[in-house]
Amino acid sequence: MAGVEALRLDAPVTLLAGDNGSGKSTLIEAIAEAIGFGAEGGELDRLGELPAVPREVLGGGLGPVLSDTRPRNGYFLRAESFFNIAQFVDSGGVFSPDLSLYGDVPLHGQSHGESFLALAANRFAGEGLYILDEPEAALSVTGALALLSIVLKAAAGGAQFVIATHSPILLAVPGAHVYELGPGGVTECAYDDLDTVRLTRGFLEAPERYLRAALE
């Protein structure tokens, strides 16, 4: 992917925007794998397994450049695998994390959005690395605002986030590095210039124009 070499992940929050099929999920999965997360998502260090080891991925085409500080904890959220992760947390198995780490309420006893916010509120904290692939899939507008607040507080406490998202709300994180993926590759982009922001703003200002175009 053109421009990926210029991708900087040294900010507290890095955001990846782009249309469906632009490569956001492929890139964020590669970043997570390079850091040592399991491909299915979940905690960085998993009970019963060897410690996570950073490595080159994509046939050696992408590798992490790390500082001297290793994350104390971390989480890789994949929307499509969160059901299985929640089932593992709720199972109470030998290697399952203690439910108290997630707010003491079974994740499958809550709605999808509630369980994800319980994860975020209880697990996202300072000196951790959190990689999220389209977390807005589980969230209402108020849920996205709640997640934005959690991300800001955790980042202020030393946490680091890499988030792929279509949400104009999550893309509005102050001070974040924002990249847009498209046919030309990866480019750093201002919030107001992002396609998803421009299109959402245009629709809200004149929905009838967009509806007329869709019907025609």
N, C-alpha and C. Protein backbone atom coordinates (compact mmCIF):
# COMPACT_ATOMS: atom_id res chain seq x y z
N MET A 1 0.85 -1.20 0.00
CA MET A 1 0.00 0.00 0.00
C MET A 1 0.88 1.24 0.00
N ALA A 2 0.69 2.10 -0.98
CA ALA A 2 1.52 3.29 -1.12
C ALA A 2 1.39 4.20 0.10
N GLY A 3 2.52 4.70 0.56
CA GLY A 3 2.53 5.66 1.66
C GLY A 3 2.53 5.05 3.04
N VAL A 4 2.44 3.71 3.13
CA VAL A 4 2.34 3.10 4.46
C VAL A 4 3.63 3.31 5.26
N GLU A 5 4.75 3.49 4.56
CA GLU A 5 6.03 3.71 5.27
C GLU A 5 6.01 5.00 6.07
N ALA A 6 5.17 5.96 5.64
CA ALA A 6 5.11 7.26 6.33
C ALA A 6 4.15 7.25 7.50
N LEU A 7 3.48 6.13 7.74
CA LEU A 7 2.52 6.04 8.84
C LEU A 7 3.24 6.14 10.17
N ARG A 8 2.90 7.16 10.95
CA ARG A 8 3.53 7.37 12.26
C ARG A 8 2.55 6.97 13.35
N LEU A 9 3.03 6.14 14.27
CA LEU A 9 2.18 5.68 15.37
C LEU A 9 2.72 6.17 16.71
N ASP A 10 3.33 7.36 16.69
CA ASP A 10 3.93 7.87 17.92
C ASP A 10 3.02 8.83 18.67
N ALA A 11 1.83 9.11 18.15
CA ALA A 11 0.88 9.98 18.85
C ALA A 11 0.05 9.16 19.83
N PRO A 12 -0.51 9.78 20.87
CA PRO A 12 -1.39 9.03 21.77
C PRO A 12 -2.56 8.37 21.04
N VAL A 13 -3.07 9.04 19.98
CA VAL A 13 -4.18 8.47 19.21
C VAL A 13 -3.88 8.62 17.72
N THR A 14 -3.93 7.49 17.00
CA THR A 14 -3.80 7.49 15.55
C THR A 14 -5.10 6.95 14.97
N LEU A 15 -5.66 7.66 14.00
CA LEU A 15 -6.95 7.29 13.42
C LEU A 15 -6.79 6.98 11.94
N LEU A 16 -7.42 5.90 11.50
CA LEU A 16 -7.39 5.49 10.10
C LEU A 16 -8.80 5.59 9.54
N ALA A 17 -8.98 6.41 8.51
CA ALA A 17 -10.27 6.57 7.85
C ALA A 17 -10.17 6.05 6.43
N GLY A 18 -11.32 5.87 5.78
CA GLY A 18 -11.31 5.41 4.41
C GLY A 18 -12.57 4.62 4.10
N ASP A 19 -12.89 4.51 2.83
CA ASP A 19 -14.11 3.83 2.41
C ASP A 19 -13.97 2.32 2.59
N ASN A 20 -15.08 1.59 2.47
CA ASN A 20 -15.04 0.14 2.49
C ASN A 20 -14.12 -0.36 1.38
N GLY A 21 -13.28 -1.31 1.72
CA GLY A 21 -12.36 -1.85 0.73
C GLY A 21 -11.08 -1.06 0.55
N SER A 22 -10.89 -0.01 1.34
CA SER A 22 -9.69 0.81 1.19
C SER A 22 -8.47 0.18 1.85
N GLY A 23 -8.68 -0.82 2.70
CA GLY A 23 -7.55 -1.50 3.32
C GLY A 23 -7.37 -1.19 4.79
N LYS A 24 -8.32 -0.49 5.42
CA LYS A 24 -8.18 -0.13 6.83
C LYS A 24 -8.01 -1.37 7.71
N SER A 25 -8.92 -2.33 7.54
CA SER A 25 -8.88 -3.51 8.40
C SER A 25 -7.62 -4.33 8.15
N THR A 26 -7.23 -4.45 6.88
CA THR A 26 -6.00 -5.19 6.55
C THR A 26 -4.81 -4.55 7.24
N LEU A 27 -4.74 -3.22 7.19
CA LEU A 27 -3.61 -2.52 7.79
C LEU A 27 -3.64 -2.63 9.31
N ILE A 28 -4.83 -2.46 9.91
CA ILE A 28 -4.87 -2.48 11.36
C ILE A 28 -4.63 -3.90 11.90
N GLU A 29 -5.06 -4.92 11.16
CA GLU A 29 -4.76 -6.30 11.55
C GLU A 29 -3.26 -6.56 11.47
N ALA A 30 -2.61 -6.01 10.44
CA ALA A 30 -1.17 -6.17 10.31
C ALA A 30 -0.43 -5.48 11.44
N ILE A 31 -0.89 -4.28 11.83
CA ILE A 31 -0.27 -3.57 12.95
C ILE A 31 -0.41 -4.38 14.23
N ALA A 32 -1.63 -4.91 14.48
CA ALA A 32 -1.86 -5.70 15.68
C ALA A 32 -0.99 -6.95 15.70
N GLU A 33 -0.90 -7.64 14.56
CA GLU A 33 -0.08 -8.84 14.48
C GLU A 33 1.39 -8.52 14.69
N ALA A 34 1.85 -7.38 14.13
CA ALA A 34 3.25 -6.99 14.29
C ALA A 34 3.61 -6.72 15.74
N ILE A 35 2.64 -6.22 16.52
CA ILE A 35 2.90 -5.95 17.94
C ILE A 35 2.88 -7.24 18.75
N GLY A 36 2.14 -8.26 18.28
CA GLY A 36 2.09 -9.53 18.98
C GLY A 36 0.71 -9.95 19.44
N PHE A 37 -0.32 -9.21 19.05
CA PHE A 37 -1.68 -9.60 19.40
C PHE A 37 -2.07 -10.87 18.64
N GLY A 38 -2.99 -11.65 19.22
CA GLY A 38 -3.55 -12.79 18.52
C GLY A 38 -4.43 -12.32 17.38
N ALA A 39 -4.46 -13.11 16.31
CA ALA A 39 -5.23 -12.72 15.12
C ALA A 39 -6.71 -12.60 15.41
N GLU A 40 -7.20 -13.32 16.43
CA GLU A 40 -8.63 -13.28 16.75
C GLU A 40 -8.99 -12.09 17.62
N GLY A 41 -8.01 -11.33 18.08
CA GLY A 41 -8.26 -10.20 18.95
C GLY A 41 -8.15 -10.59 20.42
N GLY A 42 -8.42 -9.63 21.29
CA GLY A 42 -8.36 -9.87 22.73
C GLY A 42 -7.15 -9.22 23.38
N GLU A 43 -6.81 -9.72 24.56
CA GLU A 43 -5.74 -9.14 25.36
C GLU A 43 -4.37 -9.31 24.68
N LEU A 44 -3.44 -8.39 24.98
CA LEU A 44 -2.09 -8.49 24.44
C LEU A 44 -1.38 -9.71 25.00
N ASP A 45 -1.36 -9.84 26.32
CA ASP A 45 -0.79 -11.01 26.98
C ASP A 45 -1.92 -11.90 27.44
N ARG A 46 -1.92 -13.14 27.00
CA ARG A 46 -3.02 -14.07 27.26
C ARG A 46 -2.57 -15.15 28.22
N LEU A 47 -3.38 -15.38 29.26
CA LEU A 47 -3.05 -16.40 30.24
C LEU A 47 -2.88 -17.75 29.56
N GLY A 48 -1.87 -18.49 30.00
CA GLY A 48 -1.64 -19.81 29.44
C GLY A 48 -0.85 -19.79 28.15
N GLU A 49 -0.42 -18.62 27.69
CA GLU A 49 0.35 -18.51 26.46
C GLU A 49 1.64 -17.75 26.73
N LEU A 50 2.60 -17.89 25.82
CA LEU A 50 3.85 -17.16 25.94
C LEU A 50 3.60 -15.66 25.78
N PRO A 51 4.47 -14.82 26.34
CA PRO A 51 4.30 -13.37 26.18
C PRO A 51 4.26 -12.97 24.70
N ALA A 52 3.51 -11.92 24.40
CA ALA A 52 3.42 -11.42 23.02
C ALA A 52 4.79 -10.96 22.55
N VAL A 53 5.13 -11.30 21.31
CA VAL A 53 6.44 -10.95 20.75
C VAL A 53 6.24 -10.15 19.47
N PRO A 54 6.76 -8.92 19.39
CA PRO A 54 6.68 -8.14 18.15
C PRO A 54 7.41 -8.86 17.02
N ARG A 55 6.91 -8.71 15.79
CA ARG A 55 7.51 -9.42 14.67
C ARG A 55 7.15 -8.73 13.36
N GLU A 56 7.91 -9.08 12.32
CA GLU A 56 7.59 -8.59 10.99
C GLU A 56 6.40 -9.37 10.44
N VAL A 57 5.58 -8.70 9.64
CA VAL A 57 4.40 -9.33 9.07
C VAL A 57 4.34 -9.02 7.57
N LEU A 58 3.33 -9.58 6.92
CA LEU A 58 3.12 -9.39 5.48
C LEU A 58 4.38 -9.77 4.70
N GLY A 59 4.92 -10.94 5.08
CA GLY A 59 6.09 -11.44 4.38
C GLY A 59 7.33 -10.60 4.59
N GLY A 60 7.40 -9.94 5.74
CA GLY A 60 8.54 -9.07 6.02
C GLY A 60 8.37 -7.66 5.50
N GLY A 61 7.21 -7.37 4.89
CA GLY A 61 6.98 -6.06 4.32
C GLY A 61 6.63 -4.99 5.33
N LEU A 62 6.25 -5.40 6.55
CA LEU A 62 5.88 -4.43 7.58
C LEU A 62 6.38 -4.94 8.92
N GLY A 63 7.09 -4.09 9.63
CA GLY A 63 7.61 -4.47 10.94
C GLY A 63 7.53 -3.28 11.88
N PRO A 64 7.35 -3.53 13.18
CA PRO A 64 7.23 -2.43 14.13
C PRO A 64 8.58 -1.79 14.46
N VAL A 65 8.58 -0.49 14.63
CA VAL A 65 9.73 0.23 15.16
C VAL A 65 9.32 0.69 16.55
N LEU A 66 9.88 0.07 17.57
CA LEU A 66 9.40 0.23 18.93
C LEU A 66 10.30 1.14 19.75
N SER A 67 9.71 1.82 20.73
CA SER A 67 10.48 2.59 21.70
C SER A 67 10.99 1.63 22.77
N ASP A 68 11.66 2.18 23.76
CA ASP A 68 12.19 1.34 24.84
C ASP A 68 11.13 0.93 25.84
N THR A 69 9.93 1.52 25.74
CA THR A 69 8.86 1.25 26.69
C THR A 69 7.87 0.26 26.10
N ARG A 70 7.73 -0.87 26.74
CA ARG A 70 6.78 -1.88 26.28
C ARG A 70 5.42 -1.62 26.94
N PRO A 71 4.31 -1.74 26.20
CA PRO A 71 3.00 -1.57 26.83
C PRO A 71 2.81 -2.54 27.99
N ARG A 72 2.25 -2.06 29.08
CA ARG A 72 1.98 -2.94 30.22
C ARG A 72 0.81 -3.86 29.95
N ASN A 73 -0.09 -3.41 29.12
CA ASN A 73 -1.24 -4.23 28.74
C ASN A 73 -1.74 -3.72 27.40
N GLY A 74 -2.78 -4.34 26.89
CA GLY A 74 -3.32 -3.89 25.62
C GLY A 74 -4.49 -4.74 25.20
N TYR A 75 -5.18 -4.26 24.17
CA TYR A 75 -6.36 -4.97 23.69
C TYR A 75 -6.52 -4.70 22.20
N PHE A 76 -6.82 -5.76 21.46
CA PHE A 76 -7.11 -5.64 20.03
C PHE A 76 -8.57 -6.02 19.83
N LEU A 77 -9.38 -5.04 19.43
CA LEU A 77 -10.80 -5.28 19.22
C LEU A 77 -11.08 -5.48 17.74
N ARG A 78 -11.65 -6.64 17.41
CA ARG A 78 -12.18 -6.89 16.08
C ARG A 78 -13.68 -7.08 16.25
N ALA A 79 -14.45 -6.25 15.59
CA ALA A 79 -15.90 -6.28 15.78
C ALA A 79 -16.48 -7.65 15.49
N GLU A 80 -15.95 -8.33 14.44
CA GLU A 80 -16.54 -9.61 14.05
C GLU A 80 -16.19 -10.75 15.00
N SER A 81 -15.16 -10.57 15.84
CA SER A 81 -14.77 -11.65 16.75
C SER A 81 -15.08 -11.32 18.21
N PHE A 82 -15.71 -10.17 18.47
CA PHE A 82 -15.96 -9.77 19.85
C PHE A 82 -16.92 -10.74 20.55
N PHE A 83 -17.86 -11.32 19.80
CA PHE A 83 -18.78 -12.30 20.39
C PHE A 83 -18.00 -13.45 21.02
N ASN A 84 -17.01 -13.98 20.30
CA ASN A 84 -16.23 -15.10 20.82
C ASN A 84 -15.37 -14.68 22.01
N ILE A 85 -14.81 -13.48 21.95
CA ILE A 85 -14.01 -12.98 23.07
C ILE A 85 -14.88 -12.83 24.30
N ALA A 86 -16.09 -12.27 24.13
CA ALA A 86 -17.00 -12.11 25.27
C ALA A 86 -17.39 -13.46 25.85
N GLN A 87 -17.60 -14.45 24.99
CA GLN A 87 -17.94 -15.79 25.45
C GLN A 87 -16.79 -16.38 26.27
N PHE A 88 -15.56 -16.14 25.84
CA PHE A 88 -14.39 -16.62 26.56
C PHE A 88 -14.28 -15.94 27.93
N VAL A 89 -14.52 -14.63 27.98
CA VAL A 89 -14.46 -13.90 29.26
C VAL A 89 -15.53 -14.42 30.22
N ASP A 90 -16.73 -14.65 29.70
CA ASP A 90 -17.85 -15.08 30.54
C ASP A 90 -17.73 -16.53 31.00
N SER A 91 -16.89 -17.33 30.34
CA SER A 91 -16.87 -18.78 30.59
C SER A 91 -16.34 -19.16 31.96
N GLY A 92 -15.49 -18.29 32.54
CA GLY A 92 -14.91 -18.63 33.83
C GLY A 92 -13.92 -19.78 33.76
N GLY A 93 -13.34 -20.02 32.59
CA GLY A 93 -12.38 -21.09 32.40
C GLY A 93 -11.06 -20.82 33.11
N VAL A 94 -10.19 -21.82 33.07
CA VAL A 94 -8.90 -21.73 33.77
C VAL A 94 -8.10 -20.52 33.29
N PHE A 95 -8.12 -20.26 32.00
CA PHE A 95 -7.32 -19.17 31.45
C PHE A 95 -8.14 -17.93 31.12
N SER A 96 -9.40 -17.92 31.50
CA SER A 96 -10.23 -16.74 31.25
C SER A 96 -9.88 -15.62 32.22
N PRO A 97 -9.88 -14.36 31.77
CA PRO A 97 -9.64 -13.25 32.70
C PRO A 97 -10.78 -13.15 33.70
N ASP A 98 -10.47 -12.61 34.88
CA ASP A 98 -11.48 -12.45 35.91
C ASP A 98 -12.54 -11.45 35.44
N LEU A 99 -13.80 -11.79 35.66
CA LEU A 99 -14.90 -10.94 35.20
C LEU A 99 -14.86 -9.56 35.85
N SER A 100 -14.23 -9.45 37.02
CA SER A 100 -14.13 -8.15 37.68
C SER A 100 -13.36 -7.14 36.83
N LEU A 101 -12.49 -7.64 35.93
CA LEU A 101 -11.74 -6.76 35.06
C LEU A 101 -12.63 -6.10 34.00
N TYR A 102 -13.85 -6.62 33.87
CA TYR A 102 -14.78 -6.12 32.87
C TYR A 102 -16.03 -5.52 33.50
N GLY A 103 -15.96 -5.26 34.80
CA GLY A 103 -17.08 -4.61 35.47
C GLY A 103 -18.00 -5.54 36.23
N ASP A 104 -17.64 -6.83 36.32
CA ASP A 104 -18.38 -7.81 37.13
C ASP A 104 -19.75 -8.19 36.57
N VAL A 105 -20.08 -7.75 35.37
CA VAL A 105 -21.35 -8.12 34.74
C VAL A 105 -21.03 -8.94 33.50
N PRO A 106 -21.59 -10.16 33.35
CA PRO A 106 -21.30 -10.97 32.15
C PRO A 106 -21.52 -10.17 30.87
N LEU A 107 -20.57 -10.25 29.95
CA LEU A 107 -20.65 -9.45 28.73
C LEU A 107 -21.84 -9.86 27.87
N HIS A 108 -22.14 -11.16 27.85
CA HIS A 108 -23.28 -11.60 27.06
C HIS A 108 -24.62 -11.35 27.77
N GLY A 109 -24.56 -10.82 28.98
CA GLY A 109 -25.77 -10.41 29.66
C GLY A 109 -26.13 -8.96 29.37
N GLN A 110 -25.35 -8.34 28.48
CA GLN A 110 -25.57 -6.96 28.10
C GLN A 110 -25.76 -6.89 26.58
N SER A 111 -26.21 -5.75 26.10
CA SER A 111 -26.29 -5.57 24.65
C SER A 111 -24.87 -5.50 24.09
N HIS A 112 -24.78 -5.60 22.76
CA HIS A 112 -23.46 -5.54 22.12
C HIS A 112 -22.75 -4.23 22.48
N GLY A 113 -23.46 -3.11 22.37
CA GLY A 113 -22.86 -1.82 22.68
C GLY A 113 -22.49 -1.69 24.15
N GLU A 114 -23.38 -2.16 25.03
CA GLU A 114 -23.10 -2.07 26.47
C GLU A 114 -21.88 -2.91 26.84
N SER A 115 -21.77 -4.11 26.27
CA SER A 115 -20.64 -4.98 26.61
C SER A 115 -19.34 -4.38 26.11
N PHE A 116 -19.36 -3.75 24.92
CA PHE A 116 -18.15 -3.13 24.44
C PHE A 116 -17.74 -1.94 25.29
N LEU A 117 -18.71 -1.11 25.69
CA LEU A 117 -18.38 0.03 26.55
C LEU A 117 -17.90 -0.43 27.92
N ALA A 118 -18.43 -1.57 28.42
CA ALA A 118 -17.93 -2.13 29.67
C ALA A 118 -16.47 -2.53 29.53
N LEU A 119 -16.14 -3.15 28.40
CA LEU A 119 -14.75 -3.49 28.12
C LEU A 119 -13.89 -2.24 28.11
N ALA A 120 -14.32 -1.21 27.35
CA ALA A 120 -13.53 0.00 27.20
C ALA A 120 -13.36 0.72 28.54
N ALA A 121 -14.44 0.86 29.29
CA ALA A 121 -14.39 1.62 30.55
C ALA A 121 -13.51 0.93 31.59
N ASN A 122 -13.45 -0.40 31.55
CA ASN A 122 -12.72 -1.13 32.58
C ASN A 122 -11.31 -1.55 32.17
N ARG A 123 -11.05 -1.64 30.86
CA ARG A 123 -9.76 -2.17 30.42
C ARG A 123 -8.85 -1.14 29.77
N PHE A 124 -9.39 -0.01 29.28
CA PHE A 124 -8.56 0.97 28.61
C PHE A 124 -7.99 1.92 29.66
N ALA A 125 -6.68 1.85 29.87
CA ALA A 125 -6.05 2.66 30.91
C ALA A 125 -4.63 3.02 30.50
N GLY A 126 -3.96 3.81 31.35
CA GLY A 126 -2.63 4.31 31.05
C GLY A 126 -1.62 3.22 30.78
N GLU A 127 -0.66 3.55 29.91
CA GLU A 127 0.47 2.69 29.55
C GLU A 127 0.05 1.41 28.86
N GLY A 128 -1.14 1.40 28.27
CA GLY A 128 -1.60 0.27 27.47
C GLY A 128 -1.68 0.66 26.01
N LEU A 129 -1.71 -0.35 25.13
CA LEU A 129 -1.85 -0.14 23.69
C LEU A 129 -3.16 -0.77 23.24
N TYR A 130 -4.00 0.01 22.59
CA TYR A 130 -5.34 -0.45 22.23
C TYR A 130 -5.57 -0.23 20.72
N ILE A 131 -5.83 -1.33 20.03
CA ILE A 131 -6.02 -1.31 18.59
C ILE A 131 -7.46 -1.71 18.31
N LEU A 132 -8.22 -0.81 17.70
CA LEU A 132 -9.65 -0.99 17.53
C LEU A 132 -10.02 -0.92 16.05
N ASP A 133 -10.73 -1.94 15.59
CA ASP A 133 -11.16 -1.99 14.20
C ASP A 133 -12.66 -1.72 14.12
N GLU A 134 -13.02 -0.53 13.69
CA GLU A 134 -14.40 -0.09 13.52
C GLU A 134 -15.26 -0.34 14.77
N PRO A 135 -14.86 0.21 15.91
CA PRO A 135 -15.63 -0.01 17.14
C PRO A 135 -17.03 0.57 17.09
N GLU A 136 -17.27 1.54 16.19
CA GLU A 136 -18.60 2.16 16.12
C GLU A 136 -19.67 1.17 15.65
N ALA A 137 -19.26 0.01 15.11
CA ALA A 137 -20.23 -0.98 14.66
C ALA A 137 -21.15 -1.43 15.80
N ALA A 138 -20.67 -1.33 17.03
CA ALA A 138 -21.45 -1.77 18.19
C ALA A 138 -22.18 -0.62 18.87
N LEU A 139 -21.97 0.62 18.41
CA LEU A 139 -22.35 1.77 19.23
C LEU A 139 -23.38 2.69 18.58
N SER A 140 -24.25 3.23 19.39
CA SER A 140 -25.12 4.33 18.99
C SER A 140 -24.30 5.62 18.99
N VAL A 141 -24.95 6.72 18.62
CA VAL A 141 -24.25 8.00 18.66
C VAL A 141 -23.81 8.33 20.08
N THR A 142 -24.69 8.11 21.07
CA THR A 142 -24.31 8.37 22.46
C THR A 142 -23.20 7.41 22.90
N GLY A 143 -23.25 6.18 22.39
CA GLY A 143 -22.19 5.23 22.71
C GLY A 143 -20.86 5.66 22.13
N ALA A 144 -20.87 6.18 20.89
CA ALA A 144 -19.63 6.67 20.29
C ALA A 144 -19.07 7.85 21.07
N LEU A 145 -19.95 8.72 21.56
CA LEU A 145 -19.50 9.84 22.39
C LEU A 145 -18.90 9.34 23.71
N ALA A 146 -19.51 8.30 24.28
CA ALA A 146 -18.98 7.71 25.52
C ALA A 146 -17.60 7.11 25.27
N LEU A 147 -17.45 6.42 24.15
CA LEU A 147 -16.14 5.85 23.82
C LEU A 147 -15.11 6.95 23.59
N LEU A 148 -15.51 8.02 22.92
CA LEU A 148 -14.61 9.15 22.71
C LEU A 148 -14.09 9.67 24.04
N SER A 149 -14.97 9.80 25.03
CA SER A 149 -14.57 10.27 26.35
C SER A 149 -13.59 9.30 27.01
N ILE A 150 -13.85 8.00 26.88
CA ILE A 150 -12.96 6.98 27.46
C ILE A 150 -11.57 7.05 26.82
N VAL A 151 -11.54 7.17 25.50
CA VAL A 151 -10.27 7.25 24.77
C VAL A 151 -9.48 8.48 25.21
N LEU A 152 -10.15 9.63 25.31
CA LEU A 152 -9.46 10.86 25.71
C LEU A 152 -8.86 10.74 27.10
N LYS A 153 -9.63 10.18 28.04
CA LYS A 153 -9.14 10.05 29.42
C LYS A 153 -7.99 9.06 29.50
N ALA A 154 -8.11 7.93 28.79
CA ALA A 154 -7.03 6.94 28.83
C ALA A 154 -5.77 7.47 28.17
N ALA A 155 -5.93 8.18 27.04
CA ALA A 155 -4.76 8.74 26.35
C ALA A 155 -4.07 9.78 27.21
N ALA A 156 -4.84 10.57 27.94
CA ALA A 156 -4.25 11.56 28.86
C ALA A 156 -3.47 10.88 29.97
N GLY A 157 -3.83 9.63 30.29
CA GLY A 157 -3.14 8.88 31.33
C GLY A 157 -1.98 8.05 30.83
N GLY A 158 -1.66 8.15 29.53
CA GLY A 158 -0.50 7.47 28.99
C GLY A 158 -0.80 6.32 28.04
N ALA A 159 -2.07 6.04 27.79
CA ALA A 159 -2.42 4.97 26.86
C ALA A 159 -2.21 5.42 25.42
N GLN A 160 -2.10 4.44 24.52
CA GLN A 160 -1.95 4.73 23.10
C GLN A 160 -3.01 3.95 22.33
N PHE A 161 -3.60 4.60 21.32
CA PHE A 161 -4.67 4.00 20.53
C PHE A 161 -4.35 4.08 19.04
N VAL A 162 -4.71 3.01 18.33
CA VAL A 162 -4.75 3.01 16.88
C VAL A 162 -6.15 2.53 16.52
N ILE A 163 -6.92 3.38 15.83
CA ILE A 163 -8.34 3.11 15.60
C ILE A 163 -8.67 3.28 14.13
N ALA A 164 -9.25 2.24 13.52
CA ALA A 164 -9.82 2.34 12.18
C ALA A 164 -11.31 2.58 12.33
N THR A 165 -11.82 3.63 11.70
CA THR A 165 -13.21 3.99 11.94
C THR A 165 -13.81 4.78 10.78
N HIS A 166 -15.14 4.64 10.62
CA HIS A 166 -15.91 5.48 9.71
C HIS A 166 -16.59 6.62 10.48
N SER A 167 -16.54 6.61 11.80
CA SER A 167 -17.34 7.50 12.62
C SER A 167 -16.78 8.92 12.67
N PRO A 168 -17.53 9.93 12.21
CA PRO A 168 -17.07 11.31 12.34
C PRO A 168 -16.86 11.72 13.80
N ILE A 169 -17.57 11.04 14.71
CA ILE A 169 -17.41 11.35 16.13
C ILE A 169 -16.04 10.89 16.62
N LEU A 170 -15.68 9.65 16.35
CA LEU A 170 -14.39 9.14 16.81
C LEU A 170 -13.23 9.79 16.06
N LEU A 171 -13.46 10.18 14.81
CA LEU A 171 -12.40 10.85 14.04
C LEU A 171 -12.10 12.25 14.55
N ALA A 172 -12.93 12.75 15.47
CA ALA A 172 -12.76 14.10 15.99
C ALA A 172 -11.87 14.17 17.22
N VAL A 173 -11.17 13.09 17.57
CA VAL A 173 -10.28 13.12 18.74
C VAL A 173 -9.27 14.26 18.59
N PRO A 174 -9.24 15.20 19.54
CA PRO A 174 -8.31 16.33 19.44
C PRO A 174 -6.85 15.87 19.47
N GLY A 175 -6.04 16.43 18.57
CA GLY A 175 -4.62 16.15 18.58
C GLY A 175 -4.21 14.83 17.97
N ALA A 176 -5.16 14.07 17.44
CA ALA A 176 -4.83 12.76 16.87
C ALA A 176 -4.13 12.91 15.52
N HIS A 177 -3.32 11.92 15.17
CA HIS A 177 -2.83 11.79 13.80
C HIS A 177 -3.93 11.09 13.01
N VAL A 178 -4.40 11.72 11.94
CA VAL A 178 -5.49 11.16 11.15
C VAL A 178 -4.98 10.86 9.75
N TYR A 179 -5.17 9.60 9.33
CA TYR A 179 -4.76 9.18 7.99
C TYR A 179 -5.99 8.68 7.24
N GLU A 180 -6.04 9.02 5.94
CA GLU A 180 -7.11 8.51 5.09
C GLU A 180 -6.50 7.54 4.08
N LEU A 181 -7.13 6.37 3.94
CA LEU A 181 -6.69 5.37 2.99
C LEU A 181 -7.57 5.43 1.75
N GLY A 182 -6.95 5.41 0.60
CA GLY A 182 -7.71 5.49 -0.64
C GLY A 182 -6.90 4.95 -1.80
N PRO A 183 -7.36 5.16 -3.03
CA PRO A 183 -6.64 4.65 -4.21
C PRO A 183 -5.19 5.12 -4.28
N GLY A 184 -4.92 6.31 -3.72
CA GLY A 184 -3.56 6.83 -3.75
C GLY A 184 -2.69 6.35 -2.62
N GLY A 185 -3.23 5.51 -1.74
CA GLY A 185 -2.47 5.00 -0.62
C GLY A 185 -2.85 5.66 0.69
N VAL A 186 -1.88 5.84 1.57
CA VAL A 186 -2.11 6.39 2.90
C VAL A 186 -1.62 7.84 2.94
N THR A 187 -2.52 8.76 3.29
CA THR A 187 -2.15 10.16 3.38
C THR A 187 -2.67 10.76 4.67
N GLU A 188 -1.87 11.62 5.30
CA GLU A 188 -2.35 12.33 6.48
C GLU A 188 -3.38 13.36 6.04
N CYS A 189 -4.45 13.51 6.82
CA CYS A 189 -5.58 14.32 6.36
C CYS A 189 -6.16 15.12 7.52
N ALA A 190 -6.57 16.35 7.25
CA ALA A 190 -7.27 17.16 8.24
C ALA A 190 -8.69 16.65 8.41
N TYR A 191 -9.25 16.83 9.59
CA TYR A 191 -10.60 16.33 9.89
C TYR A 191 -11.63 16.81 8.87
N ASP A 192 -11.66 18.09 8.58
CA ASP A 192 -12.67 18.64 7.69
C ASP A 192 -12.52 18.16 6.25
N ASP A 193 -11.36 17.61 5.89
CA ASP A 193 -11.13 17.15 4.53
C ASP A 193 -11.41 15.66 4.35
N LEU A 194 -11.72 14.94 5.43
CA LEU A 194 -12.01 13.52 5.33
C LEU A 194 -13.31 13.30 4.56
N ASP A 195 -13.33 12.31 3.67
CA ASP A 195 -14.53 12.04 2.88
C ASP A 195 -15.74 11.76 3.77
N THR A 196 -15.56 10.94 4.81
CA THR A 196 -16.70 10.57 5.66
C THR A 196 -17.26 11.78 6.39
N VAL A 197 -16.41 12.74 6.75
CA VAL A 197 -16.87 13.96 7.42
C VAL A 197 -17.62 14.85 6.43
N ARG A 198 -17.06 15.03 5.25
CA ARG A 198 -17.70 15.89 4.24
C ARG A 198 -19.06 15.33 3.82
N LEU A 199 -19.12 14.01 3.59
CA LEU A 199 -20.37 13.40 3.14
C LEU A 199 -21.43 13.41 4.23
N THR A 200 -21.02 13.12 5.48
CA THR A 200 -21.98 13.15 6.59
C THR A 200 -22.51 14.56 6.80
N ARG A 201 -21.63 15.53 6.77
CA ARG A 201 -22.04 16.93 6.95
C ARG A 201 -22.98 17.35 5.82
N GLY A 202 -22.65 16.96 4.59
CA GLY A 202 -23.50 17.32 3.46
C GLY A 202 -24.87 16.68 3.56
N PHE A 203 -24.93 15.42 4.00
CA PHE A 203 -26.22 14.74 4.14
C PHE A 203 -27.07 15.41 5.21
N LEU A 204 -26.47 15.74 6.35
CA LEU A 204 -27.24 16.36 7.43
C LEU A 204 -27.74 17.75 7.04
N GLU A 205 -27.00 18.45 6.21
CA GLU A 205 -27.43 19.78 5.79
C GLU A 205 -28.53 19.73 4.74
N ALA A 206 -28.53 18.69 3.90
CA ALA A 206 -29.54 18.61 2.82
C ALA A 206 -29.85 17.15 2.50
N PRO A 207 -30.51 16.43 3.44
CA PRO A 207 -30.78 15.01 3.21
C PRO A 207 -31.61 14.75 1.96
N GLU A 208 -32.52 15.67 1.63
CA GLU A 208 -33.38 15.45 0.47
C GLU A 208 -32.57 15.37 -0.82
N ARG A 209 -31.48 16.10 -0.90
CA ARG A 209 -30.64 16.07 -2.11
C ARG A 209 -29.98 14.70 -2.28
N TYR A 210 -29.49 14.15 -1.17
CA TYR A 210 -28.84 12.83 -1.24
C TYR A 210 -29.87 11.72 -1.47
N LEU A 211 -31.04 11.85 -0.88
CA LEU A 211 -32.10 10.86 -1.07
C LEU A 211 -32.59 10.87 -2.52
N ARG A 212 -32.69 12.07 -3.09
CA ARG A 212 -33.14 12.19 -4.48
C ARG A 212 -32.13 11.53 -5.41
N ALA A 213 -30.84 11.76 -5.13
CA ALA A 213 -29.79 11.15 -5.96
C ALA A 213 -29.80 9.64 -5.82
N ALA A 214 -30.05 9.13 -4.60
CA ALA A 214 -30.08 7.68 -4.38
C ALA A 214 -31.25 7.04 -5.12
N LEU A 215 -32.40 7.71 -5.11
CA LEU A 215 -33.59 7.16 -5.76
C LEU A 215 -33.46 7.21 -7.29
N GLU A 216 -32.71 8.19 -7.78
CA GLU A 216 -32.54 8.31 -9.23
C GLU A 216 -31.46 7.36 -9.75
